[in-house]
N, C-alpha and C. Protein backbone atom coordinates (compact mmCIF):
# COMPACT_ATOMS: atom_id res chain seq x y z
N UNK A 1 33.66 126.27 122.62
CA UNK A 1 34.61 125.61 122.98
C UNK A 1 35.42 125.91 124.34
N UNK A 2 35.94 124.90 125.06
CA UNK A 2 36.44 125.19 126.80
C UNK A 2 37.91 125.37 125.87
N UNK A 3 38.42 126.51 126.85
CA UNK A 3 39.95 127.14 126.61
C UNK A 3 41.06 125.76 126.90
N UNK A 4 41.59 126.12 126.17
CA UNK A 4 43.15 125.23 126.52
C UNK A 4 44.28 125.50 126.28
N UNK A 5 45.12 125.83 127.11
CA UNK A 5 46.53 126.61 127.04
C UNK A 5 47.46 125.75 126.90
N UNK A 6 48.52 125.75 126.07
CA UNK A 6 49.41 124.96 126.02
C UNK A 6 51.04 125.93 126.08
N UNK A 7 52.30 125.50 126.73
CA UNK A 7 53.27 126.09 126.79
C UNK A 7 54.12 125.60 125.91
N UNK A 8 54.88 126.19 125.25
CA UNK A 8 55.94 125.66 124.54
C UNK A 8 57.18 125.94 125.03
N UNK A 9 58.29 125.22 125.30
CA UNK A 9 59.70 125.48 125.79
C UNK A 9 60.70 125.09 124.99
N UNK A 10 61.05 125.40 124.03
CA UNK A 10 62.40 125.10 123.41
C UNK A 10 63.59 125.59 123.64
N UNK A 11 64.66 124.52 123.42
CA UNK A 11 66.08 125.26 123.78
C UNK A 11 67.15 123.87 123.38
N UNK A 12 68.08 123.98 123.78
CA UNK A 12 69.15 123.19 123.33
C UNK A 12 69.19 121.95 124.49
N UNK A 13 69.12 122.67 125.69
CA UNK A 13 68.94 121.74 126.92
C UNK A 13 70.31 120.89 127.33
N UNK A 14 71.20 121.56 127.47
CA UNK A 14 72.59 120.85 127.23
C UNK A 14 73.53 120.95 128.18
N UNK A 15 72.93 121.08 129.46
CA UNK A 15 71.83 120.15 130.21
C UNK A 15 70.91 121.12 130.50
N UNK A 16 69.82 120.18 130.64
CA UNK A 16 68.42 120.59 131.33
C UNK A 16 68.94 121.06 132.91
N UNK A 17 68.32 122.34 133.02
CA UNK A 17 68.93 122.71 134.61
C UNK A 17 67.58 123.19 135.46
N UNK A 18 67.69 123.56 136.72
CA UNK A 18 66.52 123.73 137.77
C UNK A 18 66.20 125.35 137.15
N UNK A 19 67.03 126.09 136.49
CA UNK A 19 66.20 127.23 135.96
C UNK A 19 65.31 126.90 134.84
N UNK A 20 65.47 126.14 134.22
CA UNK A 20 64.69 125.67 132.94
C UNK A 20 63.09 125.41 133.76
N UNK A 21 63.17 124.76 134.68
CA UNK A 21 62.11 124.26 135.11
C UNK A 21 61.43 124.91 136.12
N UNK A 22 62.03 125.82 136.69
CA UNK A 22 61.65 127.08 137.33
C UNK A 22 60.66 128.14 136.63
N UNK A 23 61.17 128.42 135.46
CA UNK A 23 60.53 128.77 134.21
C UNK A 23 59.39 128.01 134.00
N UNK A 24 59.43 127.29 133.67
CA UNK A 24 58.49 126.31 132.75
C UNK A 24 57.10 125.80 134.02
N UNK A 25 57.62 125.96 135.33
CA UNK A 25 56.48 125.64 136.31
C UNK A 25 55.77 127.20 136.32
N UNK A 26 56.68 128.19 136.57
CA UNK A 26 55.84 129.51 136.90
C UNK A 26 55.33 129.81 135.63
N UNK A 27 55.34 129.28 134.74
CA UNK A 27 54.80 129.48 133.46
C UNK A 27 52.98 128.86 133.35
N UNK A 28 53.45 127.56 133.85
CA UNK A 28 52.21 126.78 134.18
C UNK A 28 51.51 127.34 135.03
N UNK A 29 51.73 127.56 136.27
CA UNK A 29 50.93 128.28 137.23
C UNK A 29 50.28 129.84 136.91
N UNK A 30 51.21 130.42 136.23
CA UNK A 30 50.93 132.03 136.33
C UNK A 30 49.95 132.08 134.78
N UNK A 31 49.99 131.29 134.00
CA UNK A 31 49.31 131.67 133.04
C UNK A 31 48.18 130.16 132.72
N UNK A 32 48.07 129.60 133.58
CA UNK A 32 46.93 128.66 133.97
C UNK A 32 47.25 127.34 132.29
N UNK A 33 48.64 126.79 132.45
CA UNK A 33 48.82 126.05 131.06
C UNK A 33 48.43 124.54 131.47
N UNK A 34 47.53 123.66 130.79
CA UNK A 34 47.19 122.48 130.73
C UNK A 34 48.75 121.70 131.15
N UNK A 35 49.66 122.16 129.71
CA UNK A 35 50.79 121.30 129.55
C UNK A 35 51.98 122.07 129.39
N UNK A 36 53.23 121.67 129.31
CA UNK A 36 54.59 122.56 129.04
C UNK A 36 55.14 121.57 128.14
N UNK A 37 55.10 121.89 126.89
CA UNK A 37 55.80 120.90 126.09
C UNK A 37 57.27 121.52 126.10
N UNK A 38 58.28 120.76 126.26
CA UNK A 38 59.60 120.92 126.19
C UNK A 38 60.36 120.33 124.68
N UNK A 39 61.22 121.14 124.47
CA UNK A 39 61.40 120.92 122.77
C UNK A 39 62.74 121.04 122.43
N UNK A 40 63.48 119.90 122.72
CA UNK A 40 64.66 120.24 122.46
C UNK A 40 64.90 120.48 120.72
N UNK A 41 66.17 121.35 120.72
CA UNK A 41 65.96 121.73 119.46
C UNK A 41 67.27 120.88 118.63
N UNK A 42 67.06 120.40 117.44
CA UNK A 42 67.81 119.67 116.42
C UNK A 42 69.12 120.19 115.84
N UNK A 43 68.71 121.54 115.14
CA UNK A 43 69.98 121.63 114.69
C UNK A 43 69.67 123.56 114.69
N UNK A 44 69.89 124.29 115.68
CA UNK A 44 69.41 125.73 115.79
C UNK A 44 70.20 126.49 115.00
N UNK A 45 70.09 127.03 114.01
CA UNK A 45 70.76 128.20 112.94
C UNK A 45 71.74 128.91 113.66
N UNK A 46 71.49 129.21 115.02
CA UNK A 46 72.39 130.34 115.67
C UNK A 46 73.58 129.34 116.19
N UNK A 47 73.56 127.90 116.31
CA UNK A 47 74.46 127.25 116.64
C UNK A 47 75.15 126.52 116.32
N UNK A 48 74.85 126.60 114.79
CA UNK A 48 75.70 125.66 113.77
C UNK A 48 76.95 125.21 113.98
N UNK A 49 77.59 126.24 114.21
CA UNK A 49 79.30 126.19 114.88
C UNK A 49 79.78 125.80 116.09
N UNK A 50 79.04 125.87 116.94
CA UNK A 50 78.82 125.52 118.03
C UNK A 50 79.12 123.49 118.50
N UNK A 51 79.79 123.06 119.36
CA UNK A 51 79.49 121.88 119.63
C UNK A 51 78.21 121.68 120.56
N UNK A 52 77.25 120.38 120.34
CA UNK A 52 76.30 120.50 121.21
C UNK A 52 76.12 118.66 121.57
N UNK A 53 75.80 118.19 122.38
CA UNK A 53 75.46 116.78 122.77
C UNK A 53 74.47 116.31 121.58
N UNK A 54 74.38 115.02 121.49
CA UNK A 54 73.80 114.46 120.38
C UNK A 54 72.29 114.78 120.78
N UNK A 55 71.49 114.75 119.75
CA UNK A 55 70.15 114.96 119.86
C UNK A 55 69.56 114.23 121.08
N UNK A 56 69.70 112.39 120.76
CA UNK A 56 69.29 111.61 121.63
C UNK A 56 69.52 111.37 123.17
N UNK A 57 70.85 112.28 123.42
CA UNK A 57 71.41 112.72 124.91
C UNK A 57 70.64 113.70 125.34
N UNK A 58 70.37 114.93 124.74
CA UNK A 58 69.66 116.05 125.15
C UNK A 58 68.05 115.63 125.59
N UNK A 59 67.93 114.71 124.62
CA UNK A 59 66.05 114.13 125.05
C UNK A 59 66.12 113.44 126.11
N UNK A 60 67.11 112.79 126.09
CA UNK A 60 67.02 111.71 127.24
C UNK A 60 67.35 112.78 128.72
N UNK A 61 68.16 113.48 128.61
CA UNK A 61 68.02 114.35 129.92
C UNK A 61 67.02 115.01 130.14
N UNK A 62 66.42 115.66 129.07
CA UNK A 62 64.89 116.44 129.22
C UNK A 62 64.33 115.53 129.92
N UNK A 63 63.63 114.09 129.48
CA UNK A 63 62.94 113.50 129.83
C UNK A 63 63.26 112.92 131.50
N UNK A 64 64.20 113.11 131.57
CA UNK A 64 64.67 112.43 132.95
C UNK A 64 64.68 113.78 133.83
N UNK A 65 64.76 115.29 133.57
CA UNK A 65 64.24 116.47 134.48
C UNK A 65 62.83 116.40 134.61
N UNK A 66 62.32 116.15 133.52
CA UNK A 66 60.41 116.33 133.86
C UNK A 66 59.85 115.15 134.00
N UNK A 67 60.62 114.08 134.70
CA UNK A 67 59.70 113.03 134.81
C UNK A 67 58.74 112.95 136.07
N UNK A 68 58.98 113.69 136.66
CA UNK A 68 57.91 114.05 138.10
C UNK A 68 57.12 114.98 137.65
N UNK A 69 56.89 115.35 136.96
CA UNK A 69 55.99 116.21 136.65
C UNK A 69 54.92 115.80 135.53
N UNK A 70 53.69 115.85 135.44
CA UNK A 70 53.06 115.31 134.96
C UNK A 70 52.39 116.06 133.71
N UNK A 71 52.55 117.43 134.01
CA UNK A 71 52.19 118.56 133.33
C UNK A 71 52.99 118.92 132.31
N UNK A 72 54.69 118.45 132.58
CA UNK A 72 55.59 118.58 131.05
C UNK A 72 55.67 117.44 130.52
N UNK A 73 55.83 117.72 129.27
CA UNK A 73 55.77 116.39 128.17
C UNK A 73 57.18 116.77 127.31
N UNK A 74 57.43 115.79 126.69
CA UNK A 74 58.81 115.86 125.76
C UNK A 74 57.98 116.07 124.53
N UNK A 75 58.37 116.79 123.61
CA UNK A 75 58.50 116.62 122.02
C UNK A 75 59.72 116.30 121.04
N UNK A 76 59.42 115.55 120.06
CA UNK A 76 60.66 115.35 119.71
C UNK A 76 60.55 115.94 118.17
N UNK A 77 59.63 116.84 117.79
CA UNK A 77 59.36 117.37 116.62
C UNK A 77 60.77 118.09 116.33
N UNK A 78 61.69 118.61 116.73
CA UNK A 78 62.83 119.12 115.99
C UNK A 78 63.56 118.10 115.85
N UNK A 79 64.12 117.20 116.50
CA UNK A 79 64.92 116.23 116.40
C UNK A 79 64.59 115.14 115.46
N UNK A 80 63.61 115.17 115.08
CA UNK A 80 63.36 113.71 114.41
C UNK A 80 62.90 114.32 113.01
N UNK A 81 63.45 115.37 112.53
CA UNK A 81 63.45 115.94 110.99
C UNK A 81 64.43 116.70 110.89
N UNK A 82 64.85 116.91 109.41
CA UNK A 82 66.26 117.39 108.91
C UNK A 82 66.00 119.08 109.29
N UNK A 83 67.31 119.15 109.48
CA UNK A 83 67.38 120.67 110.24
C UNK A 83 67.62 121.53 108.48
N UNK A 84 67.88 122.88 108.66
CA UNK A 84 67.57 123.94 109.91
C UNK A 84 66.38 123.52 110.35
N UNK A 85 66.03 124.16 111.81
CA UNK A 85 65.17 124.18 112.57
C UNK A 85 64.77 125.51 112.87
N UNK A 86 63.51 125.96 112.84
CA UNK A 86 63.16 127.51 113.00
C UNK A 86 61.78 127.38 113.98
N UNK A 87 61.69 128.40 114.99
CA UNK A 87 60.98 127.81 115.77
C UNK A 87 59.48 128.36 115.18
N UNK A 88 59.51 128.76 113.97
CA UNK A 88 57.77 128.95 113.14
C UNK A 88 57.61 128.00 112.79
N UNK A 89 58.38 127.04 112.37
CA UNK A 89 57.83 125.78 111.63
C UNK A 89 57.69 125.07 113.01
N UNK A 90 58.62 124.79 113.92
CA UNK A 90 58.23 123.63 115.37
C UNK A 90 56.82 124.18 115.89
N UNK A 91 56.40 125.75 115.70
CA UNK A 91 55.33 125.90 116.40
C UNK A 91 54.06 125.27 115.28
N UNK A 92 54.22 125.53 113.92
CA UNK A 92 53.21 125.15 113.20
C UNK A 92 52.99 123.45 113.24
N UNK A 93 53.77 122.96 113.38
CA UNK A 93 54.14 121.18 113.46
C UNK A 93 53.25 121.11 115.23
N UNK A 94 53.86 121.85 116.04
CA UNK A 94 52.79 121.39 117.52
C UNK A 94 51.33 121.84 117.32
N UNK A 95 51.23 122.83 116.44
CA UNK A 95 49.69 123.18 116.34
C UNK A 95 48.85 121.99 115.63
N UNK A 96 49.53 121.84 114.70
CA UNK A 96 48.61 120.62 113.85
C UNK A 96 48.74 119.20 114.88
N UNK A 97 49.60 118.97 115.56
CA UNK A 97 49.71 117.58 116.49
C UNK A 97 48.40 117.89 117.53
N UNK A 98 48.42 119.20 117.91
CA UNK A 98 47.59 119.24 119.22
C UNK A 98 46.53 120.31 118.85
N UNK A 99 45.62 119.75 117.75
CA UNK A 99 44.81 120.92 117.44
C UNK A 99 43.42 121.37 118.29
N UNK A 100 43.56 120.81 119.10
CA UNK A 100 42.33 121.01 120.27
C UNK A 100 42.89 122.36 121.11
N UNK A 101 44.11 122.62 121.15
CA UNK A 101 44.82 123.76 121.89
C UNK A 101 44.03 125.13 121.28
N UNK A 102 43.62 126.13 122.38
CA UNK A 102 43.11 126.75 122.01
C UNK A 102 44.06 127.98 121.95
N UNK A 103 44.90 128.45 123.01
CA UNK A 103 46.43 129.04 123.27
C UNK A 103 47.16 128.53 123.58
N UNK A 104 48.64 129.30 122.94
CA UNK A 104 49.58 129.24 122.69
C UNK A 104 50.67 130.04 123.32
N UNK A 105 51.52 129.30 124.30
CA UNK A 105 52.67 130.42 124.58
C UNK A 105 53.87 129.98 124.71
N UNK A 106 54.68 130.56 123.79
CA UNK A 106 56.23 130.46 123.81
C UNK A 106 57.09 131.22 124.97
N UNK A 107 57.40 129.99 125.71
CA UNK A 107 58.39 130.31 126.66
C UNK A 107 59.97 130.60 126.30
N UNK A 108 60.50 131.62 126.96
CA UNK A 108 61.54 132.00 126.86
C UNK A 108 62.36 132.92 127.64
N UNK A 109 63.60 133.45 127.78
CA UNK A 109 64.51 134.38 128.43
C UNK A 109 64.35 135.70 127.71
N UNK A 110 64.68 136.62 128.49
CA UNK A 110 64.37 138.14 127.88
C UNK A 110 65.76 138.32 127.12
N UNK A 111 67.03 137.33 127.17
CA UNK A 111 67.92 137.32 126.12
C UNK A 111 67.84 136.94 125.04
N UNK A 112 67.04 136.04 124.71
CA UNK A 112 66.06 135.71 123.49
C UNK A 112 65.50 136.78 122.95
N UNK A 113 64.63 137.60 123.72
CA UNK A 113 63.44 138.55 123.07
C UNK A 113 64.50 139.66 122.61
N UNK A 114 65.76 139.76 122.89
CA UNK A 114 66.73 140.89 122.13
C UNK A 114 66.82 140.33 120.96
N UNK A 115 66.61 139.09 120.31
CA UNK A 115 66.95 138.80 119.22
C UNK A 115 65.59 138.43 118.33
N UNK A 116 64.32 138.67 118.90
CA UNK A 116 63.24 138.50 118.09
C UNK A 116 63.13 138.98 116.51
N UNK A 117 63.39 140.26 116.76
CA UNK A 117 63.22 140.86 114.98
C UNK A 117 64.22 140.24 114.26
N UNK A 118 64.90 139.46 114.69
CA UNK A 118 66.15 138.76 113.51
C UNK A 118 65.73 137.21 113.25
N UNK A 119 64.63 136.88 114.13
CA UNK A 119 64.26 135.36 114.10
C UNK A 119 63.53 135.23 112.37
N UNK A 120 64.05 134.29 112.05
CA UNK A 120 63.14 133.94 110.64
C UNK A 120 61.77 133.58 110.82
N UNK A 121 60.95 134.77 110.32
CA UNK A 121 59.68 134.69 110.09
C UNK A 121 59.19 135.37 111.37
N UNK A 122 59.64 136.34 112.26
CA UNK A 122 58.98 136.66 113.55
C UNK A 122 57.51 136.94 113.56
N UNK A 123 56.98 137.47 112.58
CA UNK A 123 55.50 137.86 112.36
C UNK A 123 54.85 136.70 112.51
N UNK A 124 55.04 135.71 112.00
CA UNK A 124 54.35 134.30 111.47
C UNK A 124 54.43 133.59 113.50
N UNK A 125 55.70 133.78 113.87
CA UNK A 125 55.67 133.41 115.25
C UNK A 125 54.48 133.96 116.31
N UNK A 126 54.48 135.33 115.96
CA UNK A 126 53.65 135.86 117.05
C UNK A 126 52.33 135.66 116.57
N UNK A 127 51.87 135.50 115.52
CA UNK A 127 50.53 134.87 115.09
C UNK A 127 50.37 133.73 115.56
N UNK A 128 51.00 132.77 115.91
CA UNK A 128 50.67 131.26 116.19
C UNK A 128 51.08 131.17 117.90
N UNK A 129 51.49 132.14 118.65
CA UNK A 129 52.18 132.18 119.95
C UNK A 129 52.09 133.13 120.69
N UNK A 130 51.62 133.71 121.88
CA UNK A 130 52.05 134.47 122.61
C UNK A 130 53.40 134.53 123.40
N UNK A 131 54.22 135.26 123.81
CA UNK A 131 55.53 135.38 124.49
C UNK A 131 55.54 135.37 125.62
N UNK A 132 56.13 134.19 126.67
CA UNK A 132 56.06 134.48 128.10
C UNK A 132 57.43 134.41 128.58
N UNK A 133 57.85 135.60 129.05
CA UNK A 133 58.92 135.71 129.21
C UNK A 133 59.67 135.94 130.22
N UNK A 134 60.91 135.62 130.47
CA UNK A 134 61.34 135.56 132.03
C UNK A 134 62.60 136.63 132.11
N UNK A 135 62.59 137.52 133.00
CA UNK A 135 63.33 138.91 132.98
C UNK A 135 64.75 138.24 133.14
N UNK A 136 65.65 138.86 132.69
CA UNK A 136 67.38 138.50 132.52
C UNK A 136 67.89 139.72 132.90
N UNK A 137 68.25 139.62 134.40
CA UNK A 137 69.01 140.97 135.29
C UNK A 137 70.01 141.42 134.16
N UNK A 138 70.10 142.82 134.03
CA UNK A 138 71.18 143.59 133.42
C UNK A 138 70.85 143.36 131.67
N UNK A 139 69.79 142.90 131.39
CA UNK A 139 69.77 142.51 129.87
C UNK A 139 68.32 143.18 129.53
N UNK A 140 68.14 144.32 129.74
CA UNK A 140 66.61 144.78 129.46
C UNK A 140 66.18 144.96 128.13
N UNK A 141 65.49 144.93 127.53
CA UNK A 141 64.86 144.65 125.91
C UNK A 141 64.15 146.33 125.82
N UNK A 142 64.62 147.11 124.74
CA UNK A 142 64.01 148.16 124.24
C UNK A 142 62.77 147.94 123.45
N UNK A 143 61.52 147.48 124.66
CA UNK A 143 60.36 147.40 123.91
C UNK A 143 59.79 148.40 122.96
N UNK A 144 59.51 149.52 123.31
CA UNK A 144 59.37 150.43 122.08
C UNK A 144 60.15 150.35 120.79
N UNK A 145 61.35 150.12 121.02
CA UNK A 145 61.50 149.91 119.55
C UNK A 145 61.44 148.72 119.00
N UNK A 146 61.18 147.55 119.75
CA UNK A 146 60.81 146.40 119.14
C UNK A 146 59.38 146.39 118.36
N UNK A 147 58.45 147.28 119.37
CA UNK A 147 57.05 147.43 118.92
C UNK A 147 57.12 148.17 117.51
N UNK A 148 57.81 149.16 117.17
CA UNK A 148 57.99 149.89 116.17
C UNK A 148 58.61 148.91 114.96
N UNK A 149 59.06 147.87 115.36
CA UNK A 149 59.72 146.73 114.05
C UNK A 149 58.70 145.97 114.13
N UNK A 150 57.94 145.52 115.02
CA UNK A 150 57.49 144.54 114.86
C UNK A 150 56.15 144.69 115.67
N UNK A 151 55.07 145.60 115.09
CA UNK A 151 53.80 146.03 115.78
C UNK A 151 52.98 144.83 116.43
N UNK A 152 52.85 143.63 115.75
CA UNK A 152 52.34 142.26 115.99
C UNK A 152 53.11 142.10 117.40
N UNK A 153 53.65 142.16 118.28
CA UNK A 153 54.37 142.16 119.65
C UNK A 153 53.51 142.69 120.58
N UNK A 154 52.58 143.86 120.38
CA UNK A 154 51.35 144.49 120.93
C UNK A 154 50.48 143.39 121.20
N UNK A 155 50.57 143.33 122.79
CA UNK A 155 49.51 142.66 123.36
C UNK A 155 49.66 140.79 123.52
N UNK A 156 50.82 140.55 122.80
CA UNK A 156 51.16 139.24 122.66
C UNK A 156 52.33 139.09 123.72
N UNK A 157 52.60 139.77 124.82
CA UNK A 157 53.83 139.43 125.79
C UNK A 157 53.47 139.31 127.03
N UNK A 158 53.89 138.45 127.62
CA UNK A 158 53.67 138.27 129.19
C UNK A 158 54.95 137.94 129.73
N UNK A 159 55.30 138.86 130.99
CA UNK A 159 56.21 138.77 131.57
C UNK A 159 55.82 137.65 133.01
N UNK A 160 56.97 136.56 133.02
CA UNK A 160 56.75 135.74 134.05
C UNK A 160 57.48 136.31 135.66
N UNK A 161 56.78 135.55 136.31
CA UNK A 161 57.20 136.22 137.64
C UNK A 161 58.42 135.05 138.14
N UNK A 162 59.40 134.77 137.45
CA UNK A 162 60.59 133.70 137.84
C UNK A 162 61.98 134.49 138.69
N UNK A 163 62.00 133.75 139.70
CA UNK A 163 63.38 134.45 140.24
C UNK A 163 64.32 134.43 139.62
N UNK A 164 65.58 135.36 139.77
CA UNK A 164 66.42 135.18 138.91
C UNK A 164 67.64 134.09 138.82
N UNK A 165 67.99 134.00 137.65
CA UNK A 165 68.58 132.40 137.67
C UNK A 165 70.13 133.02 137.19
N UNK A 166 70.94 132.71 137.95
CA UNK A 166 72.57 133.67 137.63
C UNK A 166 73.34 132.18 137.04
N UNK A 167 72.79 131.34 136.74
CA UNK A 167 73.97 130.45 136.10
C UNK A 167 73.17 129.87 134.80
N UNK A 168 74.09 129.52 133.75
CA UNK A 168 73.27 128.91 132.52
C UNK A 168 74.23 127.35 132.16
N UNK A 169 73.61 127.03 131.19
CA UNK A 169 73.91 125.43 130.86
C UNK A 169 75.51 125.68 130.42
N UNK A 170 76.05 126.65 129.80
CA UNK A 170 77.52 127.06 129.75
C UNK A 170 78.16 126.69 131.11
N UNK A 171 78.02 127.28 131.82
CA UNK A 171 78.30 127.60 133.04
C UNK A 171 78.74 125.86 133.76
N UNK A 172 77.51 124.88 133.70
CA UNK A 172 77.02 123.84 134.14
C UNK A 172 78.29 123.03 133.14
N UNK A 173 78.49 123.10 132.10
CA UNK A 173 79.39 122.07 131.55
C UNK A 173 80.55 122.55 131.69
N UNK A 174 81.19 123.77 132.02
CA UNK A 174 82.46 124.02 132.40
C UNK A 174 82.95 123.39 133.73
N UNK A 175 81.29 123.13 134.69
CA UNK A 175 81.89 122.99 136.16
C UNK A 175 82.33 121.38 135.69
N UNK A 176 81.21 120.91 135.10
CA UNK A 176 81.70 119.29 135.00
C UNK A 176 82.95 119.14 134.10
N UNK A 177 83.79 119.90 133.47
CA UNK A 177 85.04 119.96 132.97
C UNK A 177 85.98 120.07 133.99
N UNK A 178 85.67 120.88 135.05
CA UNK A 178 86.41 121.05 135.65
C UNK A 178 86.28 120.28 137.18
N UNK A 179 85.61 119.34 137.53
CA UNK A 179 85.42 118.12 138.37
C UNK A 179 84.67 118.79 139.46
N UNK A 180 83.72 120.24 139.18
CA UNK A 180 82.95 120.63 140.03
C UNK A 180 81.41 119.96 140.00
N UNK A 181 80.94 119.69 141.51
CA UNK A 181 79.63 119.22 141.10
C UNK A 181 78.19 120.09 140.70
N UNK A 182 77.34 119.35 140.19
CA UNK A 182 75.90 119.82 139.65
C UNK A 182 75.13 119.76 140.54
N UNK A 183 75.41 118.73 141.90
CA UNK A 183 74.03 118.61 142.57
C UNK A 183 73.46 120.23 143.06
N UNK A 184 72.19 120.16 143.12
CA UNK A 184 71.46 121.52 143.41
C UNK A 184 71.32 122.20 142.16
N UNK A 185 71.93 121.99 141.14
CA UNK A 185 71.86 122.98 139.96
C UNK A 185 71.05 122.15 139.12
N UNK A 186 71.29 121.00 138.90
CA UNK A 186 70.15 120.22 137.95
C UNK A 186 69.60 118.88 138.46
N UNK A 187 68.44 118.24 138.39
CA UNK A 187 67.82 117.38 139.23
C UNK A 187 68.91 116.15 139.07
N UNK A 188 69.03 115.22 139.99
CA UNK A 188 69.78 114.19 140.26
C UNK A 188 69.96 113.26 138.98
N UNK A 189 68.77 112.84 138.15
CA UNK A 189 68.61 112.23 137.38
C UNK A 189 69.50 112.55 136.06
N UNK A 190 69.64 113.85 135.66
CA UNK A 190 70.45 114.50 135.14
C UNK A 190 71.72 114.39 135.10
N UNK A 191 72.24 115.10 136.48
CA UNK A 191 73.31 114.74 136.83
C UNK A 191 74.05 112.92 136.85
N UNK A 192 73.18 112.13 137.20
CA UNK A 192 73.57 110.74 136.90
C UNK A 192 73.91 110.36 135.44
N UNK A 193 72.97 110.83 134.25
CA UNK A 193 72.88 110.85 132.97
C UNK A 193 74.30 111.51 132.98
N UNK A 194 74.69 112.60 133.22
CA UNK A 194 75.69 113.07 132.64
C UNK A 194 76.98 112.44 133.20
N UNK A 195 76.93 111.92 134.22
CA UNK A 195 78.17 111.15 135.23
C UNK A 195 78.02 109.78 134.35
N UNK A 196 77.16 109.16 133.71
CA UNK A 196 76.95 107.72 133.42
C UNK A 196 77.68 107.92 131.97
N UNK A 197 77.44 108.69 131.19
CA UNK A 197 77.71 108.82 129.74
C UNK A 197 79.03 110.23 129.56
N UNK A 198 79.43 110.18 130.62
CA UNK A 198 80.66 111.06 130.34
C UNK A 198 80.64 112.39 129.49
N UNK A 199 79.34 113.11 129.81
CA UNK A 199 79.21 114.24 128.71
C UNK A 199 79.82 115.19 129.38
N UNK A 200 80.52 116.34 128.67
CA UNK A 200 81.17 117.23 128.68
C UNK A 200 82.25 117.08 129.03
N UNK A 201 83.03 116.23 129.34
CA UNK A 201 84.47 115.99 129.87
C UNK A 201 85.27 116.24 128.61
N UNK A 202 85.10 116.28 127.54
CA UNK A 202 86.16 116.56 126.67
C UNK A 202 85.84 117.95 125.92
N UNK A 203 84.74 118.60 125.94
CA UNK A 203 83.99 119.92 125.56
C UNK A 203 85.04 121.34 126.29
């Protein structure tokens, strides 16, 4: 069977920005991925008490952000089913949907790797996908400790060569509230969508 590798990039994407796109494109090239699937989260367990834009708004922004890259696709696997939503279940559903894919990589930042041992069924996550991780400046992970707690991590971790990104979606939402520009931080289509729908004005 010919090898076929896909990447999965889950997140709230509220809003999606150039840091997300740089991570996904680096993973695509560095790992030889045929596709990167963007999966907007429905109800992330760790953000139940936070305020998120609606799933429809976040999915529309992702679609706008990735429209010019034919290797990027949007999946509604999380937002079209009841929550709470866990990575392990999302991966199961994608693997069923794309049954011809032979290798899976879950894209994430190093800050998310900190929480991996506390995820729901982390061992099952690692059985289903390797982790493709972007370094976060000042947030190194103690891998020796993590490997002791999760021996399944051995051989399942790849570091991505992504330039440092020093802004987050939280910062972008604050900029909108303060009337500061998003130009050069998010794709033009995303900035226009935010403005047209007055997202984040009241957050």
